[in-house]
Protein backbone atom coordinates (compact mmCIF):
# COMPACT_ATOMS: atom_id res chain seq x y z
CA UNK A 1 75.95 64.33 147.63
CA UNK A 2 79.15 64.61 149.82
CA UNK A 3 82.41 64.26 147.94
CA UNK A 4 84.03 62.59 150.97
CA UNK A 5 81.76 59.55 150.63
CA UNK A 6 82.59 59.14 147.05
CA UNK A 7 86.35 58.84 147.41
CA UNK A 8 88.56 56.83 149.94
CA UNK A 9 89.37 59.05 152.93
CA UNK A 10 92.84 57.77 153.54
CA UNK A 11 95.69 55.88 151.62
CA UNK A 12 94.82 52.71 153.54
CA UNK A 13 91.22 52.97 152.30
CA UNK A 14 92.46 53.70 148.75
CA UNK A 15 94.66 50.57 148.81
CA UNK A 16 91.82 48.49 150.05
CA UNK A 17 89.53 49.74 147.35
CA UNK A 18 92.21 49.20 144.73
CA UNK A 19 92.83 45.64 146.05
CA UNK A 20 89.14 44.83 145.85
CA UNK A 21 89.11 45.77 142.28
CA UNK A 22 92.38 43.84 141.45
CA UNK A 23 90.70 40.29 141.36
CA UNK A 24 87.97 41.42 138.92
CA UNK A 25 90.70 43.03 136.55
CA UNK A 26 92.77 39.75 136.76
CA UNK A 27 89.58 37.58 136.15
CA UNK A 28 88.76 39.89 133.08
CA UNK A 29 92.25 39.34 131.69
CA UNK A 30 92.00 35.56 132.28
CA UNK A 31 88.75 35.54 130.20
CA UNK A 32 90.37 37.36 127.46
CA UNK A 33 93.46 35.21 127.76
CA UNK A 34 91.30 32.20 127.39
CA UNK A 35 89.81 33.53 124.24
CA UNK A 36 93.22 34.13 122.83
CA UNK A 37 94.43 30.61 123.75
CA UNK A 38 91.35 29.02 122.03
CA UNK A 39 92.06 30.98 118.81
CA UNK A 40 95.73 30.22 118.96
CA UNK A 41 95.11 26.49 119.53
CA UNK A 42 92.67 26.34 116.59
CA UNK A 43 95.47 28.02 114.47
CA UNK A 44 97.72 25.57 115.58
CA UNK A 45 95.39 22.68 114.76
CA UNK A 46 95.00 24.07 111.19
CA UNK A 47 98.69 24.86 110.69
CA UNK A 48 99.59 21.30 111.80
CA UNK A 49 97.32 19.70 109.23
CA UNK A 50 98.83 22.00 106.58
CA UNK A 51 102.21 21.30 107.43
CA UNK A 52 101.57 17.54 107.28
CA UNK A 53 100.02 18.01 103.77
CA UNK A 54 102.67 20.19 102.50
CA UNK A 55 105.42 17.87 103.88
CA UNK A 56 103.62 15.16 101.55
CA UNK A 57 103.57 17.62 98.80
CA UNK A 58 107.18 18.48 99.17
CA UNK A 59 108.24 14.74 99.38
CA UNK A 60 106.21 14.06 96.09
CA UNK A 61 107.74 16.97 94.25
CA UNK A 62 111.31 15.88 95.41
CA UNK A 63 110.79 12.46 93.98
CA UNK A 64 109.33 13.78 90.81
CA UNK A 65 112.41 15.89 90.54
CA UNK A 66 114.70 12.91 90.94
CA UNK A 67 112.81 10.87 88.41
CA UNK A 68 112.37 13.46 85.61
CA UNK A 69 115.65 15.34 86.23
CA UNK A 70 114.24 18.54 84.68
CA UNK A 71 114.76 22.14 85.72
CA UNK A 72 110.95 22.50 86.08
CA UNK A 73 110.68 19.61 88.47
CA UNK A 74 113.54 20.87 90.53
CA UNK A 75 111.95 24.30 90.83
CA UNK A 76 108.63 22.62 91.81
CA UNK A 77 110.46 20.58 94.42
CA UNK A 78 112.17 23.82 95.76
CA UNK A 79 108.84 25.82 95.77
CA UNK A 80 107.09 23.03 97.68
CA UNK A 81 109.85 22.91 100.35
CA UNK A 82 109.75 26.62 100.67
CA UNK A 83 106.01 26.62 101.06
CA UNK A 84 106.24 23.76 103.59
CA UNK A 85 109.06 25.63 105.62
CA UNK A 86 107.08 28.78 105.67
CA UNK A 87 104.09 26.95 107.26
CA UNK A 88 106.36 25.14 109.74
CA UNK A 89 107.80 28.58 110.72
CA UNK A 90 104.19 29.85 111.30
CA UNK A 91 103.40 26.68 113.37
CA UNK A 92 106.44 27.23 115.62
CA UNK A 93 105.52 30.92 116.02
CA UNK A 94 101.99 29.89 117.03
CA UNK A 95 103.46 27.40 119.47
CA UNK A 96 105.66 29.95 121.01
CA UNK A 97 102.55 32.18 121.35
CA UNK A 98 100.60 29.53 123.16
CA UNK A 99 103.46 28.96 125.48
CA UNK A 100 103.64 32.71 126.25
CA UNK A 101 99.92 32.81 126.70
CA UNK A 102 99.98 29.85 129.17
CA UNK A 103 102.84 31.42 131.26
CA UNK A 104 100.85 34.56 131.33
CA UNK A 105 97.84 32.71 132.52
CA UNK A 106 99.82 30.82 135.18
CA UNK A 107 101.08 34.32 136.46
CA UNK A 108 97.74 35.80 136.49
CA UNK A 109 96.33 32.83 138.36
CA UNK A 110 99.22 33.15 140.97
CA UNK A 111 98.44 36.83 141.40
CA UNK A 112 94.77 36.11 141.87
CA UNK A 113 95.69 33.61 144.74
CA UNK A 114 97.99 36.10 146.47
């Protein structure tokens, strides 16, 4: 087999060959990005439910602390707030990740249409 037929003969042909592969690489990245988005959205849904639940737990613990006025009740209320805040931070991080993935997807779609 002739080596010349295996490789582009000029820089123009090399650019055309690379350009032809570009859409398939972009499509492949878009597919992986969609999978990441699906996982991130599922995580967001779970964290949203958890934060909602932990918000109720923290409120109940706060009220219990006000009623009983004991150091243990105060500590339980503080621990519940900390737990809720940690989950809320994870939720916000996940939402930022989703926004980044959506921006990357939009960029890839724009590049695909070029």
